[in-house]
Amino acid sequence: MESHPWLELRGSLLEPVGMLRDVVVSLYPRDDCRIGTARPASIGAIVGARPALEIVISWPQIDFDRVWTLALSGKLAFAHLHFTKPRYNKGLVVSASFSSELEE
């Protein structure tokens, strides 16, 4: 049996997806991040879209620790996500970044 930390981030989308504005991102650390066979290559997935857009992302352990530190210090304010258009409440997350300032 194994256990790992995870971080659940809740927020609002700047650009709505359909009629959704709320988002929940679950971030999990992984030491062995591998690219699977799904295309486009992805780091995570949209696993639900009601009542909020639910996203699960695997993140390298060292980068997870940085995001964890930002969240604990209250400085994590923005996430920049790129994903495929959700179809049947599912989709692939192609890239993600987390920061204390809005990216342009």
PDB file of N, CA and C in Angstrom:
ATOM      1  N   MET A   1       0.839  -1.170   0.000  1.00  0.00           N
ATOM      2  CA  MET A   1       0.000   0.000   0.000  1.00  0.00           C
ATOM      3  C   MET A   1       0.889   1.240   0.000  1.00  0.00           C
ATOM      4  N   GLU A   2       0.569   2.177  -0.844  1.00  0.00           N
ATOM      5  CA  GLU A   2       1.333   3.413  -0.935  1.00  0.00           C
ATOM      6  C   GLU A   2       0.433   4.608  -0.699  1.00  0.00           C
ATOM      7  N   SER A   3       1.040   5.678  -0.241  1.00  0.00           N
ATOM      8  CA  SER A   3       0.298   6.937  -0.132  1.00  0.00           C
ATOM      9  C   SER A   3       1.177   8.063  -0.649  1.00  0.00           C
ATOM     10  N   HIS A   4       0.552   9.066  -1.229  1.00  0.00           N
ATOM     11  CA  HIS A   4       1.270  10.203  -1.787  1.00  0.00           C
ATOM     12  C   HIS A   4       0.500  11.474  -1.464  1.00  0.00           C
ATOM     13  N   PRO A   5       1.220  12.575  -1.351  1.00  0.00           N
ATOM     14  CA  PRO A   5       0.498  13.840  -1.178  1.00  0.00           C
ATOM     15  C   PRO A   5      -0.156  14.244  -2.488  1.00  0.00           C
ATOM     16  N   TRP A   6      -1.167  15.069  -2.413  1.00  0.00           N
ATOM     17  CA  TRP A   6      -1.788  15.636  -3.594  1.00  0.00           C
ATOM     18  C   TRP A   6      -2.301  17.005  -3.219  1.00  0.00           C
ATOM     19  N   LEU A   7      -2.456  17.826  -4.192  1.00  0.00           N
ATOM     20  CA  LEU A   7      -2.878  19.198  -3.981  1.00  0.00           C
ATOM     21  C   LEU A   7      -4.133  19.446  -4.795  1.00  0.00           C
ATOM     22  N   GLU A   8      -5.181  19.937  -4.131  1.00  0.00           N
ATOM     23  CA  GLU A   8      -6.420  20.258  -4.832  1.00  0.00           C
ATOM     24  C   GLU A   8      -6.551  21.765  -4.901  1.00  0.00           C
ATOM     25  N   LEU A   9      -6.581  22.285  -6.105  1.00  0.00           N
ATOM     26  CA  LEU A   9      -6.674  23.723  -6.327  1.00  0.00           C
ATOM     27  C   LEU A   9      -8.054  24.042  -6.883  1.00  0.00           C
ATOM     28  N   ARG A  10      -8.734  25.006  -6.276  1.00  0.00           N
ATOM     29  CA  ARG A  10     -10.066  25.417  -6.725  1.00  0.00           C
ATOM     30  C   ARG A  10     -10.014  26.866  -7.163  1.00  0.00           C
ATOM     31  N   GLY A  11     -10.719  27.168  -8.244  1.00  0.00           N
ATOM     32  CA  GLY A  11     -10.712  28.538  -8.723  1.00  0.00           C
ATOM     33  C   GLY A  11     -11.749  28.773  -9.792  1.00  0.00           C
ATOM     34  N   SER A  12     -11.589  29.894 -10.473  1.00  0.00           N
ATOM     35  CA  SER A  12     -12.490  30.291 -11.550  1.00  0.00           C
ATOM     36  C   SER A  12     -11.693  30.496 -12.824  1.00  0.00           C
ATOM     37  N   LEU A  13     -12.287  30.127 -13.937  1.00  0.00           N
ATOM     38  CA  LEU A  13     -11.653  30.291 -15.239  1.00  0.00           C
ATOM     39  C   LEU A  13     -11.807  31.727 -15.723  1.00  0.00           C
ATOM     40  N   LEU A  14     -10.764  32.287 -16.316  1.00  0.00           N
ATOM     41  CA  LEU A  14     -10.857  33.613 -16.922  1.00  0.00           C
ATOM     42  C   LEU A  14     -11.670  33.552 -18.208  1.00  0.00           C
ATOM     43  N   GLU A  15     -11.535  32.435 -18.933  1.00  0.00           N
ATOM     44  CA  GLU A  15     -12.318  32.202 -20.143  1.00  0.00           C
ATOM     45  C   GLU A  15     -13.176  30.964 -19.905  1.00  0.00           C
ATOM     46  N   PRO A  16     -14.495  31.102 -19.910  1.00  0.00           N
ATOM     47  CA  PRO A  16     -15.343  29.947 -19.622  1.00  0.00           C
ATOM     48  C   PRO A  16     -15.220  28.853 -20.683  1.00  0.00           C
ATOM     49  N   VAL A  17     -15.418  27.627 -20.256  1.00  0.00           N
ATOM     50  CA  VAL A  17     -15.458  26.477 -21.143  1.00  0.00           C
ATOM     51  C   VAL A  17     -16.926  26.069 -21.210  1.00  0.00           C
ATOM     52  N   GLY A  18     -17.537  26.328 -22.341  1.00  0.00           N
ATOM     53  CA  GLY A  18     -18.985  26.157 -22.433  1.00  0.00           C
ATOM     54  C   GLY A  18     -19.619  27.177 -21.501  1.00  0.00           C
ATOM     55  N   MET A  19     -20.384  26.710 -20.562  1.00  0.00           N
ATOM     56  CA  MET A  19     -20.991  27.604 -19.582  1.00  0.00           C
ATOM     57  C   MET A  19     -20.311  27.486 -18.218  1.00  0.00           C
ATOM     58  N   LEU A  20     -19.206  26.716 -18.149  1.00  0.00           N
ATOM     59  CA  LEU A  20     -18.524  26.483 -16.876  1.00  0.00           C
ATOM     60  C   LEU A  20     -17.511  27.562 -16.566  1.00  0.00           C
ATOM     61  N   ARG A  21     -17.489  28.011 -15.329  1.00  0.00           N
ATOM     62  CA  ARG A  21     -16.489  28.974 -14.873  1.00  0.00           C
ATOM     63  C   ARG A  21     -15.649  28.406 -13.734  1.00  0.00           C
ATOM     64  N   ASP A  22     -16.195  27.448 -12.971  1.00  0.00           N
ATOM     65  CA  ASP A  22     -15.476  26.879 -11.840  1.00  0.00           C
ATOM     66  C   ASP A  22     -14.570  25.748 -12.305  1.00  0.00           C
ATOM     67  N   VAL A  23     -13.418  25.619 -11.633  1.00  0.00           N
ATOM     68  CA  VAL A  23     -12.464  24.569 -11.977  1.00  0.00           C
ATOM     69  C   VAL A  23     -11.871  23.997 -10.691  1.00  0.00           C
ATOM     70  N   VAL A  24     -11.622  22.688 -10.723  1.00  0.00           N
ATOM     71  CA  VAL A  24     -10.935  21.995  -9.632  1.00  0.00           C
ATOM     72  C   VAL A  24      -9.785  21.226 -10.271  1.00  0.00           C
ATOM     73  N   VAL A  25      -8.548  21.545  -9.871  1.00  0.00           N
ATOM     74  CA  VAL A  25      -7.359  20.880 -10.402  1.00  0.00           C
ATOM     75  C   VAL A  25      -6.748  20.043  -9.290  1.00  0.00           C
ATOM     76  N   SER A  26      -6.631  18.732  -9.517  1.00  0.00           N
ATOM     77  CA  SER A  26      -5.972  17.832  -8.568  1.00  0.00           C
ATOM     78  C   SER A  26      -4.583  17.537  -9.119  1.00  0.00           C
ATOM     79  N   LEU A  27      -3.578  17.884  -8.345  1.00  0.00           N
ATOM     80  CA  LEU A  27      -2.180  17.767  -8.777  1.00  0.00           C
ATOM     81  C   LEU A  27      -1.514  16.658  -7.968  1.00  0.00           C
ATOM     82  N   TYR A  28      -0.934  15.669  -8.659  1.00  0.00           N
ATOM     83  CA  TYR A  28      -0.295  14.535  -8.017  1.00  0.00           C
ATOM     84  C   TYR A  28       1.178  14.475  -8.419  1.00  0.00           C
ATOM     85  N   PRO A  29       2.087  14.200  -7.453  1.00  0.00           N
ATOM     86  CA  PRO A  29       3.497  14.052  -7.813  1.00  0.00           C
ATOM     87  C   PRO A  29       3.787  12.650  -8.350  1.00  0.00           C
ATOM     88  N   ARG A  30       4.660  12.580  -9.344  1.00  0.00           N
ATOM     89  CA  ARG A  30       5.105  11.295  -9.887  1.00  0.00           C
ATOM     90  C   ARG A  30       6.575  11.394 -10.210  1.00  0.00           C
ATOM     91  N   ASP A  31       7.312  10.373  -9.820  1.00  0.00           N
ATOM     92  CA  ASP A  31       8.740  10.346 -10.133  1.00  0.00           C
ATOM     93  C   ASP A  31       8.998   9.816 -11.535  1.00  0.00           C
ATOM     94  N   ASP A  32       8.084   9.011 -12.042  1.00  0.00           N
ATOM     95  CA  ASP A  32       8.294   8.382 -13.343  1.00  0.00           C
ATOM     96  C   ASP A  32       7.254   8.856 -14.348  1.00  0.00           C
ATOM     97  N   CYS A  33       7.265  10.144 -14.652  1.00  0.00           N
ATOM     98  CA  CYS A  33       6.323  10.685 -15.631  1.00  0.00           C
ATOM     99  C   CYS A  33       6.693  10.163 -17.013  1.00  0.00           C
ATOM    100  N   ARG A  34       5.723   9.530 -17.667  1.00  0.00           N
ATOM    101  CA  ARG A  34       5.952   8.976 -19.002  1.00  0.00           C
ATOM    102  C   ARG A  34       4.860   9.455 -19.938  1.00  0.00           C
ATOM    103  N   ILE A  35       5.221   9.610 -21.165  1.00  0.00           N
ATOM    104  CA  ILE A  35       4.244   9.982 -22.179  1.00  0.00           C
ATOM    105  C   ILE A  35       3.572   8.710 -22.661  1.00  0.00           C
ATOM    106  N   GLY A  36       2.252   8.696 -22.616  1.00  0.00           N
ATOM    107  CA  GLY A  36       1.490   7.526 -23.042  1.00  0.00           C
ATOM    108  C   GLY A  36       1.256   7.509 -24.539  1.00  0.00           C
ATOM    109  N   THR A  37       0.335   6.674 -24.958  1.00  0.00           N
ATOM    110  CA  THR A  37       0.060   6.513 -26.383  1.00  0.00           C
ATOM    111  C   THR A  37      -1.012   7.467 -26.885  1.00  0.00           C
ATOM    112  N   ALA A  38      -1.736   8.120 -25.989  1.00  0.00           N
ATOM    113  CA  ALA A  38      -2.796   9.049 -26.407  1.00  0.00           C
ATOM    114  C   ALA A  38      -2.181  10.248 -27.127  1.00  0.00           C
ATOM    115  N   ARG A  39      -2.867  10.741 -28.115  1.00  0.00           N
ATOM    116  CA  ARG A  39      -2.407  11.907 -28.852  1.00  0.00           C
ATOM    117  C   ARG A  39      -3.487  12.952 -28.845  1.00  0.00           C
ATOM    118  N   PRO A  40      -3.146  14.193 -28.589  1.00  0.00           N
ATOM    119  CA  PRO A  40      -1.805  14.708 -28.369  1.00  0.00           C
ATOM    120  C   PRO A  40      -1.238  14.225 -27.034  1.00  0.00           C
ATOM    121  N   ALA A  41       0.101  14.257 -26.927  1.00  0.00           N
ATOM    122  CA  ALA A  41       0.757  13.863 -25.682  1.00  0.00           C
ATOM    123  C   ALA A  41       0.217  14.738 -24.558  1.00  0.00           C
ATOM    124  N   SER A  42      -0.054  14.132 -23.416  1.00  0.00           N
ATOM    125  CA  SER A  42      -0.695  14.888 -22.345  1.00  0.00           C
ATOM    126  C   SER A  42      -0.031  14.655 -20.998  1.00  0.00           C
ATOM    127  N   ILE A  43      -0.247  15.597 -20.091  1.00  0.00           N
ATOM    128  CA  ILE A  43       0.248  15.483 -18.723  1.00  0.00           C
ATOM    129  C   ILE A  43      -0.890  15.247 -17.749  1.00  0.00           C
ATOM    130  N   GLY A  44      -2.101  15.309 -18.242  1.00  0.00           N
ATOM    131  CA  GLY A  44      -3.270  15.135 -17.385  1.00  0.00           C
ATOM    132  C   GLY A  44      -4.520  14.984 -18.204  1.00  0.00           C
ATOM    133  N   ALA A  45      -5.658  15.007 -17.489  1.00  0.00           N
ATOM    134  CA  ALA A  45      -6.927  14.797 -18.170  1.00  0.00           C
ATOM    135  C   ALA A  45      -8.052  15.575 -17.501  1.00  0.00           C
ATOM    136  N   ILE A  46      -9.016  15.931 -18.300  1.00  0.00           N
ATOM    137  CA  ILE A  46     -10.274  16.450 -17.786  1.00  0.00           C
ATOM    138  C   ILE A  46     -11.118  15.207 -17.510  1.00  0.00           C
ATOM    139  N   VAL A  47     -11.554  15.035 -16.261  1.00  0.00           N
ATOM    140  CA  VAL A  47     -12.270  13.822 -15.886  1.00  0.00           C
ATOM    141  C   VAL A  47     -13.743  14.079 -15.598  1.00  0.00           C
ATOM    142  N   GLY A  48     -14.159  15.327 -15.616  1.00  0.00           N
ATOM    143  CA  GLY A  48     -15.556  15.653 -15.382  1.00  0.00           C
ATOM    144  C   GLY A  48     -15.817  17.108 -15.688  1.00  0.00           C
ATOM    145  N   ALA A  49     -17.087  17.421 -15.900  1.00  0.00           N
ATOM    146  CA  ALA A  49     -17.424  18.807 -16.235  1.00  0.00           C
ATOM    147  C   ALA A  49     -18.696  19.283 -15.548  1.00  0.00           C
ATOM    148  N   ARG A  50     -19.133  18.609 -14.529  1.00  0.00           N
ATOM    149  CA  ARG A  50     -20.305  19.068 -13.795  1.00  0.00           C
ATOM    150  C   ARG A  50     -20.111  18.844 -12.321  1.00  0.00           C
ATOM    151  N   PRO A  51     -20.304  19.764 -11.447  1.00  0.00           N
ATOM    152  CA  PRO A  51     -20.709  21.153 -11.649  1.00  0.00           C
ATOM    153  C   PRO A  51     -19.524  22.065 -11.985  1.00  0.00           C
ATOM    154  N   ALA A  52     -18.305  21.523 -11.866  1.00  0.00           N
ATOM    155  CA  ALA A  52     -17.104  22.295 -12.204  1.00  0.00           C
ATOM    156  C   ALA A  52     -16.251  21.460 -13.147  1.00  0.00           C
ATOM    157  N   LEU A  53     -15.356  22.114 -13.875  1.00  0.00           N
ATOM    158  CA  LEU A  53     -14.407  21.416 -14.725  1.00  0.00           C
ATOM    159  C   LEU A  53     -13.403  20.737 -13.795  1.00  0.00           C
ATOM    160  N   GLU A  54     -13.325  19.410 -13.825  1.00  0.00           N
ATOM    161  CA  GLU A  54     -12.443  18.647 -12.944  1.00  0.00           C
ATOM    162  C   GLU A  54     -11.251  18.137 -13.742  1.00  0.00           C
ATOM    163  N   ILE A  55     -10.047  18.509 -13.277  1.00  0.00           N
ATOM    164  CA  ILE A  55      -8.817  18.192 -13.998  1.00  0.00           C
ATOM    165  C   ILE A  55      -7.866  17.464 -13.067  1.00  0.00           C
ATOM    166  N   VAL A  56      -7.217  16.413 -13.570  1.00  0.00           N
ATOM    167  CA  VAL A  56      -6.210  15.663 -12.827  1.00  0.00           C
ATOM    168  C   VAL A  56      -4.905  15.760 -13.605  1.00  0.00           C
ATOM    169  N   ILE A  57      -3.823  16.133 -12.896  1.00  0.00           N
ATOM    170  CA  ILE A  57      -2.520  16.305 -13.547  1.00  0.00           C
ATOM    171  C   ILE A  57      -1.449  15.581 -12.748  1.00  0.00           C
ATOM    172  N   SER A  58      -0.586  14.824 -13.443  1.00  0.00           N
ATOM    173  CA  SER A  58       0.612  14.241 -12.835  1.00  0.00           C
ATOM    174  C   SER A  58       1.756  15.215 -13.049  1.00  0.00           C
ATOM    175  N   TRP A  59       2.524  15.456 -12.008  1.00  0.00           N
ATOM    176  CA  TRP A  59       3.553  16.487 -12.040  1.00  0.00           C
ATOM    177  C   TRP A  59       4.836  15.906 -11.496  1.00  0.00           C
ATOM    178  N   PRO A  60       6.000  16.220 -12.074  1.00  0.00           N
ATOM    179  CA  PRO A  60       7.270  15.730 -11.512  1.00  0.00           C
ATOM    180  C   PRO A  60       7.417  16.175 -10.047  1.00  0.00           C
ATOM    181  N   GLN A  61       7.970  15.293  -9.210  1.00  0.00           N
ATOM    182  CA  GLN A  61       8.043  15.534  -7.768  1.00  0.00           C
ATOM    183  C   GLN A  61       8.684  16.879  -7.420  1.00  0.00           C
ATOM    184  N   ILE A  62       9.785  17.227  -8.039  1.00  0.00           N
ATOM    185  CA  ILE A  62      10.473  18.481  -7.693  1.00  0.00           C
ATOM    186  C   ILE A  62       9.604  19.698  -8.041  1.00  0.00           C
ATOM    187  N   ASP A  63       8.903  19.637  -9.164  1.00  0.00           N
ATOM    188  CA  ASP A  63       8.020  20.740  -9.547  1.00  0.00           C
ATOM    189  C   ASP A  63       6.769  20.769  -8.671  1.00  0.00           C
ATOM    190  N   PHE A  64       6.281  19.595  -8.274  1.00  0.00           N
ATOM    191  CA  PHE A  64       5.149  19.515  -7.350  1.00  0.00           C
ATOM    192  C   PHE A  64       5.507  20.217  -6.034  1.00  0.00           C
ATOM    193  N   ASP A  65       6.729  19.987  -5.553  1.00  0.00           N
ATOM    194  CA  ASP A  65       7.167  20.621  -4.300  1.00  0.00           C
ATOM    195  C   ASP A  65       7.162  22.145  -4.418  1.00  0.00           C
ATOM    196  N   ARG A  66       7.519  22.663  -5.565  1.00  0.00           N
ATOM    197  CA  ARG A  66       7.504  24.120  -5.779  1.00  0.00           C
ATOM    198  C   ARG A  66       6.079  24.666  -5.758  1.00  0.00           C
ATOM    199  N   VAL A  67       5.163  23.972  -6.420  1.00  0.00           N
ATOM    200  CA  VAL A  67       3.760  24.402  -6.431  1.00  0.00           C
ATOM    201  C   VAL A  67       3.186  24.291  -5.019  1.00  0.00           C
ATOM    202  N   TRP A  68       3.528  23.226  -4.308  1.00  0.00           N
ATOM    203  CA  TRP A  68       3.081  23.020  -2.928  1.00  0.00           C
ATOM    204  C   TRP A  68       3.544  24.191  -2.056  1.00  0.00           C
ATOM    205  N   THR A  69       4.786  24.598  -2.207  1.00  0.00           N
ATOM    206  CA  THR A  69       5.334  25.709  -1.430  1.00  0.00           C
ATOM    207  C   THR A  69       4.608  27.013  -1.749  1.00  0.00           C
ATOM    208  N   LEU A  70       4.349  27.267  -3.036  1.00  0.00           N
ATOM    209  CA  LEU A  70       3.584  28.459  -3.414  1.00  0.00           C
ATOM    210  C   LEU A  70       2.201  28.446  -2.772  1.00  0.00           C
ATOM    211  N   ALA A  71       1.551  27.289  -2.787  1.00  0.00           N
ATOM    212  CA  ALA A  71       0.204  27.185  -2.214  1.00  0.00           C
ATOM    213  C   ALA A  71       0.239  27.397  -0.703  1.00  0.00           C
ATOM    214  N   LEU A  72       1.196  26.775  -0.010  1.00  0.00           N
ATOM    215  CA  LEU A  72       1.284  26.916   1.444  1.00  0.00           C
ATOM    216  C   LEU A  72       1.597  28.349   1.874  1.00  0.00           C
ATOM    217  N   SER A  73       2.354  29.061   1.063  1.00  0.00           N
ATOM    218  CA  SER A  73       2.709  30.437   1.405  1.00  0.00           C
ATOM    219  C   SER A  73       1.623  31.431   0.994  1.00  0.00           C
ATOM    220  N   GLY A  74       0.568  30.951   0.344  1.00  0.00           N
ATOM    221  CA  GLY A  74      -0.522  31.821  -0.075  1.00  0.00           C
ATOM    222  C   GLY A  74      -0.209  32.640  -1.311  1.00  0.00           C
ATOM    223  N   LYS A  75       0.828  32.261  -2.042  1.00  0.00           N
ATOM    224  CA  LYS A  75       1.234  33.024  -3.217  1.00  0.00           C
ATOM    225  C   LYS A  75       0.782  32.404  -4.532  1.00  0.00           C
ATOM    226  N   LEU A  76       0.242  31.200  -4.489  1.00  0.00           N
ATOM    227  CA  LEU A  76      -0.243  30.565  -5.716  1.00  0.00           C
ATOM    228  C   LEU A  76      -1.568  31.210  -6.102  1.00  0.00           C
ATOM    229  N   ALA A  77      -1.568  31.894  -7.215  1.00  0.00           N
ATOM    230  CA  ALA A  77      -2.767  32.647  -7.603  1.00  0.00           C
ATOM    231  C   ALA A  77      -3.291  32.271  -8.982  1.00  0.00           C
ATOM    232  N   PHE A  78      -2.429  31.763  -9.859  1.00  0.00           N
ATOM    233  CA  PHE A  78      -2.844  31.519 -11.236  1.00  0.00           C
ATOM    234  C   PHE A  78      -2.337  30.171 -11.750  1.00  0.00           C
ATOM    235  N   ALA A  79      -3.133  29.575 -12.606  1.00  0.00           N
ATOM    236  CA  ALA A  79      -2.740  28.381 -13.350  1.00  0.00           C
ATOM    237  C   ALA A  79      -3.034  28.670 -14.815  1.00  0.00           C
ATOM    238  N   HIS A  80      -2.120  28.307 -15.668  1.00  0.00           N
ATOM    239  CA  HIS A  80      -2.296  28.487 -17.105  1.00  0.00           C
ATOM    240  C   HIS A  80      -2.369  27.084 -17.706  1.00  0.00           C
ATOM    241  N   LEU A  81      -3.539  26.704 -18.216  1.00  0.00           N
ATOM    242  CA  LEU A  81      -3.762  25.352 -18.713  1.00  0.00           C
ATOM    243  C   LEU A  81      -4.101  25.353 -20.195  1.00  0.00           C
ATOM    244  N   HIS A  82      -3.541  24.408 -20.911  1.00  0.00           N
ATOM    245  CA  HIS A  82      -3.897  24.161 -22.314  1.00  0.00           C
ATOM    246  C   HIS A  82      -4.456  22.745 -22.376  1.00  0.00           C
ATOM    247  N   PHE A  83      -5.648  22.597 -22.949  1.00  0.00           N
ATOM    248  CA  PHE A  83      -6.247  21.278 -23.054  1.00  0.00           C
ATOM    249  C   PHE A  83      -7.070  21.164 -24.322  1.00  0.00           C
ATOM    250  N   THR A  84      -7.321  19.930 -24.696  1.00  0.00           N
ATOM    251  CA  THR A  84      -8.153  19.688 -25.866  1.00  0.00           C
ATOM    252  C   THR A  84      -9.600  20.035 -25.515  1.00  0.00           C
ATOM    253  N   LYS A  85     -10.385  20.299 -26.533  1.00  0.00           N
ATOM    254  CA  LYS A  85     -11.787  20.630 -26.311  1.00  0.00           C
ATOM    255  C   LYS A  85     -12.482  19.437 -25.658  1.00  0.00           C
ATOM    256  N   PRO A  86     -13.106  19.661 -24.495  1.00  0.00           N
ATOM    257  CA  PRO A  86     -13.775  18.537 -23.830  1.00  0.00           C
ATOM    258  C   PRO A  86     -14.897  17.958 -24.692  1.00  0.00           C
ATOM    259  N   ARG A  87     -14.928  16.645 -24.737  1.00  0.00           N
ATOM    260  CA  ARG A  87     -15.971  15.932 -25.479  1.00  0.00           C
ATOM    261  C   ARG A  87     -16.519  14.851 -24.556  1.00  0.00           C
ATOM    262  N   TYR A  88     -17.818  14.862 -24.355  1.00  0.00           N
ATOM    263  CA  TYR A  88     -18.456  13.958 -23.405  1.00  0.00           C
ATOM    264  C   TYR A  88     -17.830  14.103 -22.010  1.00  0.00           C
ATOM    265  N   ASN A  89     -17.545  15.356 -21.618  1.00  0.00           N
ATOM    266  CA  ASN A  89     -16.979  15.701 -20.311  1.00  0.00           C
ATOM    267  C   ASN A  89     -15.570  15.143 -20.091  1.00  0.00           C
ATOM    268  N   LYS A  90     -14.850  14.816 -21.144  1.00  0.00           N
ATOM    269  CA  LYS A  90     -13.476  14.302 -21.061  1.00  0.00           C
ATOM    270  C   LYS A  90     -12.595  15.088 -22.015  1.00  0.00           C
ATOM    271  N   GLY A  91     -11.305  15.173 -21.690  1.00  0.00           N
ATOM    272  CA  GLY A  91     -10.347  15.848 -22.549  1.00  0.00           C
ATOM    273  C   GLY A  91      -8.939  15.600 -22.040  1.00  0.00           C
ATOM    274  N   LEU A  92      -7.930  16.042 -22.777  1.00  0.00           N
ATOM    275  CA  LEU A  92      -6.528  15.874 -22.393  1.00  0.00           C
ATOM    276  C   LEU A  92      -5.906  17.221 -22.072  1.00  0.00           C
ATOM    277  N   VAL A  93      -5.118  17.272 -20.999  1.00  0.00           N
ATOM    278  CA  VAL A  93      -4.374  18.471 -20.628  1.00  0.00           C
ATOM    279  C   VAL A  93      -2.997  18.360 -21.275  1.00  0.00           C
ATOM    280  N   VAL A  94      -2.685  19.300 -22.149  1.00  0.00           N
ATOM    281  CA  VAL A  94      -1.441  19.252 -22.911  1.00  0.00           C
ATOM    282  C   VAL A  94      -0.304  19.954 -22.172  1.00  0.00           C
ATOM    283  N   SER A  95      -0.604  21.046 -21.467  1.00  0.00           N
ATOM    284  CA  SER A  95       0.429  21.741 -20.694  1.00  0.00           C
ATOM    285  C   SER A  95      -0.227  22.505 -19.553  1.00  0.00           C
ATOM    286  N   ALA A  96       0.591  22.785 -18.541  1.00  0.00           N
ATOM    287  CA  ALA A  96       0.103  23.537 -17.379  1.00  0.00           C
ATOM    288  C   ALA A  96       1.274  24.266 -16.751  1.00  0.00           C
ATOM    289  N   SER A  97       0.974  25.412 -16.163  1.00  0.00           N
ATOM    290  CA  SER A  97       1.967  26.138 -15.379  1.00  0.00           C
ATOM    291  C   SER A  97       1.242  26.838 -14.242  1.00  0.00           C
ATOM    292  N   PHE A  98       1.947  27.040 -13.155  1.00  0.00           N
ATOM    293  CA  PHE A  98       1.365  27.643 -11.965  1.00  0.00           C
ATOM    294  C   PHE A  98       2.274  28.780 -11.526  1.00  0.00           C
ATOM    295  N   SER A  99       1.663  29.908 -11.091  1.00  0.00           N
ATOM    296  CA  SER A  99       2.473  31.065 -10.714  1.00  0.00           C
ATOM    297  C   SER A  99       1.726  31.993  -9.771  1.00  0.00           C
ATOM    298  N   SER A 100       2.440  32.983  -9.304  1.00  0.00           N
ATOM    299  CA  SER A 100       1.843  34.003  -8.426  1.00  0.00           C
ATOM    300  C   SER A 100       1.384  35.206  -9.230  1.00  0.00           C
ATOM    301  N   GLU A 101       1.727  35.260 -10.510  1.00  0.00           N
ATOM    302  CA  GLU A 101       1.341  36.374 -11.362  1.00  0.00           C
ATOM    303  C   GLU A 101       0.675  35.854 -12.634  1.00  0.00           C
ATOM    304  N   LEU A 102      -0.212  36.653 -13.183  1.00  0.00           N
ATOM    305  CA  LEU A 102      -0.906  36.295 -14.416  1.00  0.00           C
ATOM    306  C   LEU A 102       0.069  36.294 -15.576  1.00  0.00           C
ATOM    307  N   GLU A 103       0.096  35.191 -16.326  1.00  0.00           N
ATOM    308  CA  GLU A 103       0.960  35.108 -17.505  1.00  0.00           C
ATOM    309  C   GLU A 103       0.274  35.784 -18.675  1.00  0.00           C
ATOM    310  N   GLU A 104       1.046  36.414 -19.516  1.00  0.00           N
ATOM    311  CA  GLU A 104       0.483  37.089 -20.696  1.00  0.00           C
ATOM    312  C   GLU A 104       0.759  36.316 -21.946  1.00  0.00           C
TER     313      GLU A 104
END
